[in-house]
C-alpha atoms as a PDB file:
ATOM      1  CA  UNK A   1      10.746   7.795 -28.052  1.00  0.00           C
ATOM      2  CA  UNK A   2       7.089   8.683 -27.710  1.00  0.00           C
ATOM      3  CA  UNK A   3       5.883  12.213 -26.924  1.00  0.00           C
ATOM      4  CA  UNK A   4       3.788  10.903 -24.043  1.00  0.00           C
ATOM      5  CA  UNK A   5       7.017  10.292 -22.113  1.00  0.00           C
ATOM      6  CA  UNK A   6       7.330  14.076 -21.721  1.00  0.00           C
ATOM      7  CA  UNK A   7       4.212  14.205 -19.543  1.00  0.00           C
ATOM      8  CA  UNK A   8       4.596  15.153 -15.854  1.00  0.00           C
ATOM      9  CA  UNK A   9       3.784  11.596 -14.765  1.00  0.00           C
ATOM     10  CA  UNK A  10       7.202  10.533 -16.110  1.00  0.00           C
ATOM     11  CA  UNK A  11       9.277  13.403 -14.736  1.00  0.00           C
ATOM     12  CA  UNK A  12      10.294  11.469 -11.614  1.00  0.00           C
ATOM     13  CA  UNK A  13      11.244   8.504 -13.792  1.00  0.00           C
ATOM     14  CA  UNK A  14      13.362  10.777 -15.977  1.00  0.00           C
ATOM     15  CA  UNK A  15      15.094  12.098 -12.863  1.00  0.00           C
ATOM     16  CA  UNK A  16      15.904   8.557 -11.772  1.00  0.00           C
ATOM     17  CA  UNK A  17      17.193   7.692 -15.234  1.00  0.00           C
ATOM     18  CA  UNK A  18      19.453  10.756 -15.197  1.00  0.00           C
ATOM     19  CA  UNK A  19      20.900   9.617 -11.863  1.00  0.00           C
ATOM     20  CA  UNK A  20      21.506   6.136 -13.258  1.00  0.00           C
ATOM     21  CA  UNK A  21      23.116   7.575 -16.371  1.00  0.00           C
ATOM     22  CA  UNK A  22      25.447   9.606 -14.176  1.00  0.00           C
ATOM     23  CA  UNK A  23      26.335   6.496 -12.152  1.00  0.00           C
ATOM     24  CA  UNK A  24      27.217   4.646 -15.360  1.00  0.00           C
ATOM     25  CA  UNK A  25      29.843   7.283 -16.159  1.00  0.00           C
ATOM     26  CA  UNK A  26      31.648   6.690 -12.846  1.00  0.00           C
ATOM     27  CA  UNK A  27      34.656   4.396 -12.480  1.00  0.00           C
ATOM     28  CA  UNK A  28      33.838   0.962 -11.100  1.00  0.00           C
ATOM     29  CA  UNK A  29      35.302   1.784  -7.677  1.00  0.00           C
ATOM     30  CA  UNK A  30      33.159   4.914  -7.396  1.00  0.00           C
ATOM     31  CA  UNK A  31      30.074   2.928  -8.398  1.00  0.00           C
ATOM     32  CA  UNK A  32      30.722   0.592  -5.489  1.00  0.00           C
ATOM     33  CA  UNK A  33      30.813   3.558  -3.103  1.00  0.00           C
ATOM     34  CA  UNK A  34      27.524   4.861  -4.457  1.00  0.00           C
ATOM     35  CA  UNK A  35      26.044   1.370  -4.133  1.00  0.00           C
ATOM     36  CA  UNK A  36      26.959   1.250  -0.448  1.00  0.00           C
ATOM     37  CA  UNK A  37      25.134   4.526   0.168  1.00  0.00           C
ATOM     38  CA  UNK A  38      22.090   3.357  -1.792  1.00  0.00           C
ATOM     39  CA  UNK A  39      22.020   0.123   0.185  1.00  0.00           C
ATOM     40  CA  UNK A  40      22.047   1.987   3.494  1.00  0.00           C
ATOM     41  CA  UNK A  41      19.166   4.146   2.277  1.00  0.00           C
ATOM     42  CA  UNK A  42      17.113   1.123   1.206  1.00  0.00           C
ATOM     43  CA  UNK A  43      17.728  -0.584   4.551  1.00  0.00           C
ATOM     44  CA  UNK A  44      16.388   2.299   6.601  1.00  0.00           C
ATOM     45  CA  UNK A  45      13.333   3.154   4.511  1.00  0.00           C
ATOM     46  CA  UNK A  46      10.002   1.775   5.825  1.00  0.00           C
ATOM     47  CA  UNK A  47       9.462  -0.403   2.764  1.00  0.00           C
ATOM     48  CA  UNK A  48       7.272  -3.499   2.602  1.00  0.00           C
ATOM     49  CA  UNK A  49       9.939  -5.064   0.391  1.00  0.00           C
ATOM     50  CA  UNK A  50      12.443  -4.984   3.242  1.00  0.00           C
ATOM     51  CA  UNK A  51       9.966  -6.689   5.570  1.00  0.00           C
ATOM     52  CA  UNK A  52       9.303  -9.340   2.923  1.00  0.00           C
ATOM     53  CA  UNK A  53      13.040  -9.955   2.566  1.00  0.00           C
ATOM     54  CA  UNK A  54      13.356 -10.288   6.327  1.00  0.00           C
ATOM     55  CA  UNK A  55      10.513 -12.813   6.378  1.00  0.00           C
ATOM     56  CA  UNK A  56      11.925 -14.871   3.509  1.00  0.00           C
ATOM     57  CA  UNK A  57      15.329 -15.067   5.159  1.00  0.00           C
ATOM     58  CA  UNK A  58      13.650 -16.246   8.357  1.00  0.00           C
ATOM     59  CA  UNK A  59      11.698 -18.920   6.439  1.00  0.00           C
ATOM     60  CA  UNK A  60      14.532 -20.193   4.248  1.00  0.00           C
ATOM     61  CA  UNK A  61      17.450 -19.943   6.652  1.00  0.00           C
ATOM     62  CA  UNK A  62      15.958 -20.873  10.039  1.00  0.00           C
ATOM     63  CA  UNK A  63      19.303 -21.993  11.443  1.00  0.00           C
ATOM     64  CA  UNK A  64      20.604 -18.430  11.446  1.00  0.00           C
ATOM     65  CA  UNK A  65      20.377 -16.528  14.717  1.00  0.00           C
ATOM     66  CA  UNK A  66      18.418 -13.285  14.903  1.00  0.00           C
ATOM     67  CA  UNK A  67      21.687 -11.326  14.794  1.00  0.00           C
ATOM     68  CA  UNK A  68      22.882 -13.286  11.764  1.00  0.00           C
ATOM     69  CA  UNK A  69      19.593 -12.657   9.947  1.00  0.00           C
ATOM     70  CA  UNK A  70      19.864  -8.945  10.630  1.00  0.00           C
ATOM     71  CA  UNK A  71      23.407  -8.880   9.282  1.00  0.00           C
ATOM     72  CA  UNK A  72      22.319 -10.777   6.173  1.00  0.00           C
ATOM     73  CA  UNK A  73      19.456  -8.330   5.625  1.00  0.00           C
ATOM     74  CA  UNK A  74      21.894  -5.413   5.870  1.00  0.00           C
ATOM     75  CA  UNK A  75      24.173  -7.051   3.310  1.00  0.00           C
ATOM     76  CA  UNK A  76      21.222  -7.855   1.070  1.00  0.00           C
ATOM     77  CA  UNK A  77      20.160  -4.198   0.975  1.00  0.00           C
ATOM     78  CA  UNK A  78      23.719  -3.241   0.066  1.00  0.00           C
ATOM     79  CA  UNK A  79      23.569  -5.869  -2.688  1.00  0.00           C
ATOM     80  CA  UNK A  80      20.381  -4.251  -3.975  1.00  0.00           C
ATOM     81  CA  UNK A  81      22.183  -0.927  -4.136  1.00  0.00           C
ATOM     82  CA  UNK A  82      24.894  -2.593  -6.193  1.00  0.00           C
ATOM     83  CA  UNK A  83      22.229  -4.074  -8.445  1.00  0.00           C
ATOM     84  CA  UNK A  84      20.905  -0.590  -9.221  1.00  0.00           C
ATOM     85  CA  UNK A  85      24.377   0.572 -10.213  1.00  0.00           C
ATOM     86  CA  UNK A  86      24.817  -2.556 -12.312  1.00  0.00           C
ATOM     87  CA  UNK A  87      21.593  -1.762 -14.120  1.00  0.00           C
ATOM     88  CA  UNK A  88      23.177   1.485 -15.279  1.00  0.00           C
ATOM     89  CA  UNK A  89      26.205  -0.428 -16.569  1.00  0.00           C
ATOM     90  CA  UNK A  90      23.947  -2.973 -18.256  1.00  0.00           C
ATOM     91  CA  UNK A  91      21.872  -0.402 -20.093  1.00  0.00           C
ATOM     92  CA  UNK A  92      24.553   2.001 -21.288  1.00  0.00           C
ATOM     93  CA  UNK A  93      28.102   0.617 -21.051  1.00  0.00           C
ATOM     94  CA  UNK A  94      29.880  -0.911 -24.025  1.00  0.00           C
ATOM     95  CA  UNK A  95      30.753  -4.590 -24.368  1.00  0.00           C
ATOM     96  CA  UNK A  96      34.445  -3.983 -23.743  1.00  0.00           C
ATOM     97  CA  UNK A  97      33.845  -2.450 -20.311  1.00  0.00           C
ATOM     98  CA  UNK A  98      31.439  -5.214 -19.287  1.00  0.00           C
ATOM     99  CA  UNK A  99      33.768  -7.966 -20.499  1.00  0.00           C
ATOM    100  CA  UNK A 100      36.689  -6.535 -18.502  1.00  0.00           C
ATOM    101  CA  UNK A 101      34.696  -6.963 -15.296  1.00  0.00           C
ATOM    102  CA  UNK A 102      33.716 -10.575 -15.852  1.00  0.00           C
ATOM    103  CA  UNK A 103      35.072 -14.084 -15.666  1.00  0.00           C
ATOM    104  CA  UNK A 104      32.976 -16.652 -17.549  1.00  0.00           C
ATOM    105  CA  UNK A 105      33.289 -20.330 -16.672  1.00  0.00           C
ATOM    106  CA  UNK A 106      31.695 -23.270 -18.468  1.00  0.00           C
ATOM    107  CA  UNK A 107      31.349 -21.667 -21.892  1.00  0.00           C
ATOM    108  CA  UNK A 108      32.340 -25.034 -23.357  1.00  0.00           C
ATOM    109  CA  UNK A 109      29.062 -26.495 -22.077  1.00  0.00           C
ATOM    110  CA  UNK A 110      27.117 -23.924 -24.072  1.00  0.00           C
ATOM    111  CA  UNK A 111      29.152 -24.570 -27.205  1.00  0.00           C
ATOM    112  CA  UNK A 112      28.561 -28.307 -26.769  1.00  0.00           C
ATOM    113  CA  UNK A 113      24.813 -27.644 -26.687  1.00  0.00           C
ATOM    114  CA  UNK A 114      25.042 -25.542 -29.855  1.00  0.00           C
ATOM    115  CA  UNK A 115      26.976 -28.338 -31.554  1.00  0.00           C
ATOM    116  CA  UNK A 116      23.856 -30.516 -31.289  1.00  0.00           C
ATOM    117  CA  UNK A 117      21.940 -27.924 -33.313  1.00  0.00           C
ATOM    118  CA  UNK A 118      18.860 -27.584 -31.117  1.00  0.00           C
ATOM    119  CA  UNK A 119      19.684 -24.508 -29.081  1.00  0.00           C
ATOM    120  CA  UNK A 120      20.209 -24.082 -25.370  1.00  0.00           C
ATOM    121  CA  UNK A 121      17.868 -23.179 -22.524  1.00  0.00           C
ATOM    122  CA  UNK A 122      19.779 -21.336 -19.804  1.00  0.00           C
ATOM    123  CA  UNK A 123      17.936 -21.186 -16.492  1.00  0.00           C
ATOM    124  CA  UNK A 124      18.982 -19.105 -13.527  1.00  0.00           C
ATOM    125  CA  UNK A 125      17.566 -17.310 -10.527  1.00  0.00           C
ATOM    126  CA  UNK A 126      16.508 -13.841  -9.518  1.00  0.00           C
ATOM    127  CA  UNK A 127      19.714 -12.602  -7.967  1.00  0.00           C
ATOM    128  CA  UNK A 128      20.501  -8.916  -7.489  1.00  0.00           C
ATOM    129  CA  UNK A 129      23.074  -9.433 -10.250  1.00  0.00           C
ATOM    130  CA  UNK A 130      20.373 -10.452 -12.740  1.00  0.00           C
ATOM    131  CA  UNK A 131      20.874  -7.446 -15.035  1.00  0.00           C
ATOM    132  CA  UNK A 132      24.652  -7.521 -15.280  1.00  0.00           C
ATOM    133  CA  UNK A 133      24.719 -11.338 -15.501  1.00  0.00           C
ATOM    134  CA  UNK A 134      22.631 -11.503 -18.666  1.00  0.00           C
ATOM    135  CA  UNK A 135      24.605  -8.606 -20.114  1.00  0.00           C
ATOM    136  CA  UNK A 136      27.877 -10.436 -19.463  1.00  0.00           C
ATOM    137  CA  UNK A 137      26.724 -13.528 -21.321  1.00  0.00           C
ATOM    138  CA  UNK A 138      25.442 -11.350 -24.141  1.00  0.00           C
ATOM    139  CA  UNK A 139      29.010 -10.197 -24.785  1.00  0.00           C
ATOM    140  CA  UNK A 140      29.980 -13.826 -25.410  1.00  0.00           C
ATOM    141  CA  UNK A 141      27.125 -15.273 -27.475  1.00  0.00           C
ATOM    142  CA  UNK A 142      23.904 -13.964 -29.059  1.00  0.00           C
ATOM    143  CA  UNK A 143      21.253 -14.071 -26.346  1.00  0.00           C
ATOM    144  CA  UNK A 144      17.472 -14.214 -26.192  1.00  0.00           C
ATOM    145  CA  UNK A 145      16.432 -12.817 -22.810  1.00  0.00           C
ATOM    146  CA  UNK A 146      12.950 -13.607 -21.537  1.00  0.00           C
ATOM    147  CA  UNK A 147      11.577 -10.660 -19.610  1.00  0.00           C
ATOM    148  CA  UNK A 148       8.410  -9.220 -18.113  1.00  0.00           C
ATOM    149  CA  UNK A 149       7.881  -5.518 -18.984  1.00  0.00           C
ATOM    150  CA  UNK A 150       7.353  -3.140 -16.086  1.00  0.00           C
ATOM    151  CA  UNK A 151       4.100  -1.216 -15.778  1.00  0.00           C
ATOM    152  CA  UNK A 152       5.991   2.053 -16.152  1.00  0.00           C
ATOM    153  CA  UNK A 153       5.906   2.533 -19.929  1.00  0.00           C
ATOM    154  CA  UNK A 154       9.045   4.707 -19.993  1.00  0.00           C
ATOM    155  CA  UNK A 155      11.105   2.170 -18.047  1.00  0.00           C
ATOM    156  CA  UNK A 156       9.726  -0.602 -20.238  1.00  0.00           C
ATOM    157  CA  UNK A 157      10.845   1.338 -23.327  1.00  0.00           C
ATOM    158  CA  UNK A 158      14.358   1.931 -21.958  1.00  0.00           C
ATOM    159  CA  UNK A 159      14.645  -1.699 -20.910  1.00  0.00           C
ATOM    160  CA  UNK A 160      13.506  -3.001 -24.291  1.00  0.00           C
ATOM    161  CA  UNK A 161      15.848  -0.629 -26.138  1.00  0.00           C
ATOM    162  CA  UNK A 162      18.767  -1.872 -24.034  1.00  0.00           C
ATOM    163  CA  UNK A 163      17.881  -5.487 -24.742  1.00  0.00           C
ATOM    164  CA  UNK A 164      17.729  -4.800 -28.462  1.00  0.00           C
ATOM    165  CA  UNK A 165      21.235  -3.297 -28.431  1.00  0.00           C
ATOM    166  CA  UNK A 166      22.775  -6.266 -26.698  1.00  0.00           C
ATOM    167  CA  UNK A 167      20.510  -9.223 -27.473  1.00  0.00           C
ATOM    168  CA  UNK A 168      17.005 -10.245 -28.412  1.00  0.00           C
ATOM    169  CA  UNK A 169      14.208  -9.623 -25.899  1.00  0.00           C
ATOM    170  CA  UNK A 170      11.311 -12.074 -25.676  1.00  0.00           C
ATOM    171  CA  UNK A 171       8.224 -11.348 -23.605  1.00  0.00           C
ATOM    172  CA  UNK A 172       7.587 -13.858 -20.844  1.00  0.00           C
ATOM    173  CA  UNK A 173       4.356 -15.065 -22.448  1.00  0.00           C
ATOM    174  CA  UNK A 174       5.678 -15.483 -26.001  1.00  0.00           C
ATOM    175  CA  UNK A 175       6.349 -19.205 -26.001  1.00  0.00           C
ATOM    176  CA  UNK A 176       6.368 -19.358 -29.798  1.00  0.00           C
ATOM    177  CA  UNK A 177       9.266 -16.893 -29.958  1.00  0.00           C
ATOM    178  CA  UNK A 178      11.230 -19.002 -27.481  1.00  0.00           C
ATOM    179  CA  UNK A 179      10.678 -22.169 -29.503  1.00  0.00           C
ATOM    180  CA  UNK A 180      11.550 -20.340 -32.729  1.00  0.00           C
ATOM    181  CA  UNK A 181      14.844 -19.121 -31.241  1.00  0.00           C
ATOM    182  CA  UNK A 182      15.733 -22.615 -30.053  1.00  0.00           C
ATOM    183  CA  UNK A 183      14.877 -24.089 -33.462  1.00  0.00           C
ATOM    184  CA  UNK A 184      17.413 -21.620 -34.895  1.00  0.00           C
ATOM    185  CA  UNK A 185      20.019 -23.054 -32.484  1.00  0.00           C
ATOM    186  CA  UNK A 186      20.111 -19.971 -30.269  1.00  0.00           C
ATOM    187  CA  UNK A 187      20.322 -19.517 -26.505  1.00  0.00           C
ATOM    188  CA  UNK A 188      17.250 -18.564 -24.474  1.00  0.00           C
ATOM    189  CA  UNK A 189      17.725 -17.334 -20.907  1.00  0.00           C
ATOM    190  CA  UNK A 190      15.117 -16.993 -18.189  1.00  0.00           C
ATOM    191  CA  UNK A 191      14.721 -17.342 -14.429  1.00  0.00           C
ATOM    192  CA  UNK A 192      11.823 -19.641 -13.398  1.00  0.00           C
ATOM    193  CA  UNK A 193      12.159 -19.141  -9.647  1.00  0.00           C
ATOM    194  CA  UNK A 194       9.414 -16.641  -8.811  1.00  0.00           C
ATOM    195  CA  UNK A 195       5.865 -17.317  -7.690  1.00  0.00           C
ATOM    196  CA  UNK A 196       3.817 -18.661 -10.599  1.00  0.00           C
ATOM    197  CA  UNK A 197       0.125 -19.402 -10.206  1.00  0.00           C
ATOM    198  CA  UNK A 198      -1.089 -19.752 -13.781  1.00  0.00           C
ATOM    199  CA  UNK A 199      -1.765 -22.893 -15.803  1.00  0.00           C
ATOM    200  CA  UNK A 200       1.049 -25.386 -15.398  1.00  0.00           C
ATOM    201  CA  UNK A 201       1.919 -24.342 -11.839  1.00  0.00           C
ATOM    202  CA  UNK A 202       2.769 -26.854  -9.141  1.00  0.00           C
ATOM    203  CA  UNK A 203       3.666 -26.585  -5.494  1.00  0.00           C
ATOM    204  CA  UNK A 204       7.342 -27.541  -5.333  1.00  0.00           C
ATOM    205  CA  UNK A 205       9.524 -27.226  -2.245  1.00  0.00           C
ATOM    206  CA  UNK A 206      12.023 -24.382  -2.150  1.00  0.00           C
ATOM    207  CA  UNK A 207      14.171 -24.513   0.976  1.00  0.00           C
ATOM    208  CA  UNK A 208      11.693 -27.074   2.286  1.00  0.00           C
ATOM    209  CA  UNK A 209       8.627 -24.850   1.846  1.00  0.00           C
ATOM    210  CA  UNK A 210       5.978 -25.481  -0.855  1.00  0.00           C
ATOM    211  CA  UNK A 211       6.129 -22.687  -3.450  1.00  0.00           C
ATOM    212  CA  UNK A 212       3.973 -22.101  -6.532  1.00  0.00           C
ATOM    213  CA  UNK A 213       6.339 -22.846  -9.402  1.00  0.00           C
ATOM    214  CA  UNK A 214       6.209 -23.132 -13.168  1.00  0.00           C
ATOM    215  CA  UNK A 215       6.950 -26.515 -14.714  1.00  0.00           C
ATOM    216  CA  UNK A 216       7.261 -25.066 -18.229  1.00  0.00           C
ATOM    217  CA  UNK A 217      10.975 -25.773 -18.593  1.00  0.00           C
ATOM    218  CA  UNK A 218      10.255 -29.476 -19.039  1.00  0.00           C
ATOM    219  CA  UNK A 219       7.614 -28.754 -21.670  1.00  0.00           C
ATOM    220  CA  UNK A 220       9.828 -26.306 -23.558  1.00  0.00           C
ATOM    221  CA  UNK A 221      12.759 -28.743 -23.556  1.00  0.00           C
ATOM    222  CA  UNK A 222      10.535 -31.577 -24.770  1.00  0.00           C
ATOM    223  CA  UNK A 223       9.061 -29.535 -27.632  1.00  0.00           C
ATOM    224  CA  UNK A 224      12.362 -28.054 -28.799  1.00  0.00           C
ATOM    225  CA  UNK A 225      14.828 -30.796 -27.976  1.00  0.00           C
ATOM    226  CA  UNK A 226      17.133 -28.104 -26.567  1.00  0.00           C
ATOM    227  CA  UNK A 227      19.686 -28.777 -23.864  1.00  0.00           C
ATOM    228  CA  UNK A 228      18.982 -27.257 -20.438  1.00  0.00           C
ATOM    229  CA  UNK A 229      21.864 -25.685 -18.523  1.00  0.00           C
ATOM    230  CA  UNK A 230      22.128 -23.555 -15.400  1.00  0.00           C
ATOM    231  CA  UNK A 231      23.597 -20.068 -15.470  1.00  0.00           C
ATOM    232  CA  UNK A 232      24.543 -18.627 -12.089  1.00  0.00           C
ATOM    233  CA  UNK A 233      26.264 -15.301 -11.371  1.00  0.00           C
ATOM    234  CA  UNK A 234      28.388 -14.229  -8.436  1.00  0.00           C
ATOM    235  CA  UNK A 235      29.452 -10.716  -7.518  1.00  0.00           C
ATOM    236  CA  UNK A 236      33.026 -10.993  -6.283  1.00  0.00           C
ATOM    237  CA  UNK A 237      34.391  -9.071  -3.258  1.00  0.00           C
ATOM    238  CA  UNK A 238      35.870  -5.604  -3.569  1.00  0.00           C
ATOM    239  CA  UNK A 239      36.690  -4.561  -7.111  1.00  0.00           C
ATOM    240  CA  UNK A 240      37.176  -8.082  -8.482  1.00  0.00           C
ATOM    241  CA  UNK A 241      34.072  -7.875 -10.671  1.00  0.00           C
ATOM    242  CA  UNK A 242      31.924 -10.914 -11.439  1.00  0.00           C
ATOM    243  CA  UNK A 243      32.091 -14.627 -12.035  1.00  0.00           C
ATOM    244  CA  UNK A 244      29.363 -16.328 -14.036  1.00  0.00           C
ATOM    245  CA  UNK A 245      29.180 -20.096 -14.356  1.00  0.00           C
ATOM    246  CA  UNK A 246      27.407 -22.134 -17.030  1.00  0.00           C
ATOM    247  CA  UNK A 247      26.696 -25.632 -15.795  1.00  0.00           C
ATOM    248  CA  UNK A 248      26.766 -28.810 -17.884  1.00  0.00           C
ATOM    249  CA  UNK A 249      23.585 -29.834 -19.695  1.00  0.00           C
ATOM    250  CA  UNK A 250      21.130 -31.800 -17.572  1.00  0.00           C
ATOM    251  CA  UNK A 251      21.207 -35.488 -18.359  1.00  0.00           C
ATOM    252  CA  UNK A 252      17.942 -37.376 -18.953  1.00  0.00           C
ATOM    253  CA  UNK A 253      16.002 -34.136 -19.100  1.00  0.00           C
ATOM    254  CA  UNK A 254      13.097 -33.749 -19.257  1.00  0.00           C
ATOM    255  CA  UNK A 255      11.918 -36.743 -17.280  1.00  0.00           C
ATOM    256  CA  UNK A 256       8.373 -38.059 -17.200  1.00  0.00           C
ATOM    257  CA  UNK A 257       7.739 -35.996 -14.041  1.00  0.00           C
ATOM    258  CA  UNK A 258       7.928 -32.186 -14.426  1.00  0.00           C
ATOM    259  CA  UNK A 259       7.841 -31.712 -10.653  1.00  0.00           C
ATOM    260  CA  UNK A 260      10.934 -33.883 -10.252  1.00  0.00           C
ATOM    261  CA  UNK A 261      12.604 -31.808 -12.971  1.00  0.00           C
ATOM    262  CA  UNK A 262      11.904 -28.632 -11.006  1.00  0.00           C
ATOM    263  CA  UNK A 263      13.242 -30.247  -7.848  1.00  0.00           C
ATOM    264  CA  UNK A 264      16.535 -30.916  -9.653  1.00  0.00           C
ATOM    265  CA  UNK A 265      16.807 -27.255 -10.540  1.00  0.00           C
ATOM    266  CA  UNK A 266      15.770 -26.080  -7.072  1.00  0.00           C
ATOM    267  CA  UNK A 267      18.526 -28.159  -5.482  1.00  0.00           C
ATOM    268  CA  UNK A 268      21.128 -26.409  -7.653  1.00  0.00           C
ATOM    269  CA  UNK A 269      19.548 -23.002  -7.078  1.00  0.00           C
ATOM    270  CA  UNK A 270      19.474 -23.486  -3.311  1.00  0.00           C
ATOM    271  CA  UNK A 271      23.175 -24.369  -3.350  1.00  0.00           C
ATOM    272  CA  UNK A 272      23.937 -21.147  -5.242  1.00  0.00           C
ATOM    273  CA  UNK A 273      21.796 -19.095  -2.854  1.00  0.00           C
ATOM    274  CA  UNK A 274      23.657 -20.543   0.127  1.00  0.00           C
ATOM    275  CA  UNK A 275      26.938 -19.646  -1.566  1.00  0.00           C
ATOM    276  CA  UNK A 276      26.005 -15.955  -1.906  1.00  0.00           C
ATOM    277  CA  UNK A 277      22.885 -15.486   0.265  1.00  0.00           C
ATOM    278  CA  UNK A 278      23.063 -11.693   0.291  1.00  0.00           C
ATOM    279  CA  UNK A 279      22.856 -11.638  -3.515  1.00  0.00           C
ATOM    280  CA  UNK A 280      19.562 -13.519  -3.847  1.00  0.00           C
ATOM    281  CA  UNK A 281      16.468 -11.389  -4.413  1.00  0.00           C
ATOM    282  CA  UNK A 282      14.702 -12.038  -1.117  1.00  0.00           C
ATOM    283  CA  UNK A 283      12.260  -9.157  -1.695  1.00  0.00           C
ATOM    284  CA  UNK A 284       9.784 -11.314  -3.598  1.00  0.00           C
ATOM    285  CA  UNK A 285       6.803 -13.066  -2.008  1.00  0.00           C
ATOM    286  CA  UNK A 286       7.988 -16.482  -3.137  1.00  0.00           C
ATOM    287  CA  UNK A 287       5.715 -18.493  -0.873  1.00  0.00           C
ATOM    288  CA  UNK A 288       2.309 -17.449  -2.110  1.00  0.00           C
ATOM    289  CA  UNK A 289       0.157 -20.567  -2.295  1.00  0.00           C
ATOM    290  CA  UNK A 290      -1.958 -21.780  -5.175  1.00  0.00           C
ATOM    291  CA  UNK A 291      -5.037 -21.582  -2.965  1.00  0.00           C
ATOM    292  CA  UNK A 292      -6.207 -20.298   0.414  1.00  0.00           C
ATOM    293  CA  UNK A 293      -5.327 -23.677   1.907  1.00  0.00           C
ATOM    294  CA  UNK A 294      -1.692 -22.627   2.097  1.00  0.00           C
ATOM    295  CA  UNK A 295      -0.333 -20.392   4.872  1.00  0.00           C
ATOM    296  CA  UNK A 296      -0.188 -16.625   4.499  1.00  0.00           C
ATOM    297  CA  UNK A 297       3.454 -16.082   5.349  1.00  0.00           C
ATOM    298  CA  UNK A 298       3.499 -12.330   4.756  1.00  0.00           C
ATOM    299  CA  UNK A 299       0.608 -10.958   6.820  1.00  0.00           C
ATOM    300  CA  UNK A 300       0.139  -7.244   6.227  1.00  0.00           C
ATOM    301  CA  UNK A 301       2.496  -7.406   3.237  1.00  0.00           C
ATOM    302  CA  UNK A 302       0.546 -10.192   1.541  1.00  0.00           C
ATOM    303  CA  UNK A 303      -1.068  -7.734  -0.864  1.00  0.00           C
ATOM    304  CA  UNK A 304       2.079  -5.815  -1.747  1.00  0.00           C
ATOM    305  CA  UNK A 305       3.695  -6.373  -5.095  1.00  0.00           C
ATOM    306  CA  UNK A 306       6.862  -8.357  -5.689  1.00  0.00           C
ATOM    307  CA  UNK A 307      10.173  -6.562  -5.353  1.00  0.00           C
ATOM    308  CA  UNK A 308      10.791  -4.138  -8.183  1.00  0.00           C
ATOM    309  CA  UNK A 309      13.821  -4.992 -10.302  1.00  0.00           C
ATOM    310  CA  UNK A 310      14.786  -3.755 -13.701  1.00  0.00           C
ATOM    311  CA  UNK A 311      14.133  -7.130 -15.292  1.00  0.00           C
ATOM    312  CA  UNK A 312      11.610  -9.689 -13.982  1.00  0.00           C
ATOM    313  CA  UNK A 313      12.214 -12.726 -16.132  1.00  0.00           C
ATOM    314  CA  UNK A 314      10.132 -15.878 -15.904  1.00  0.00           C
ATOM    315  CA  UNK A 315       8.307 -18.361 -18.072  1.00  0.00           C
END
């Protein structure tokens, strides 16, 4: 812990961390009650993130009525409140507590990938369960989690320390570390579903709308020879906890067309989003174009930053 974290600029962050630490000490049922209150607060604050979520729901789920979209937005904000509480569990709870809350399906697919000796690439999406989902898998197998540090140095330190206790963190731009982990027959997890406009980006449809997307999964799989599997979480109703599902390894992957490879993943991701639409992280400006030729879907919010979450993982 660096002395600079005692400066006044971090006092508000410390206050938030103390609240989270207190939430972690609560029983699971009490955490759910706190999450409901946090969700109501988020919903009624005049935040650009809420407007962005509303716009994304309108774009991706046009068949919903206005009333249905409003209800989904309410449930999404509640899901965000739950995600904050889950972050506390992720950072400070022991493996035994986390494991008791979770049901893991498809672990045999991961073991089958390890049996081939070339590691496993687990790809998922930015759901509000992103923190607890990676933590759950980390109780089962050693995990390398690809993440993007936050600009708040104190939060970045806490996040990195948590990762180091329960897995191996890899920065989003450290491709060599990812390849090295796969060469050692380890699992590497990341979520390639946020706007990506650097080298290797392509416009690939997501819910029928062109979105700037990384095609790096194909390249990483080709270089390493690792199997590629999906990893999708689901927060279950009430106090039932979580279900996480590891899909079978993609066959004939990568193909000779990285865009087609992304389309395969997007089809699976869209199906998961439709299954639990309130749990997807709608508060990200997913439909930013690669150039000014593409529509500006977000208007006055087009300059705002993507939704803040404890871990923003991409490649």
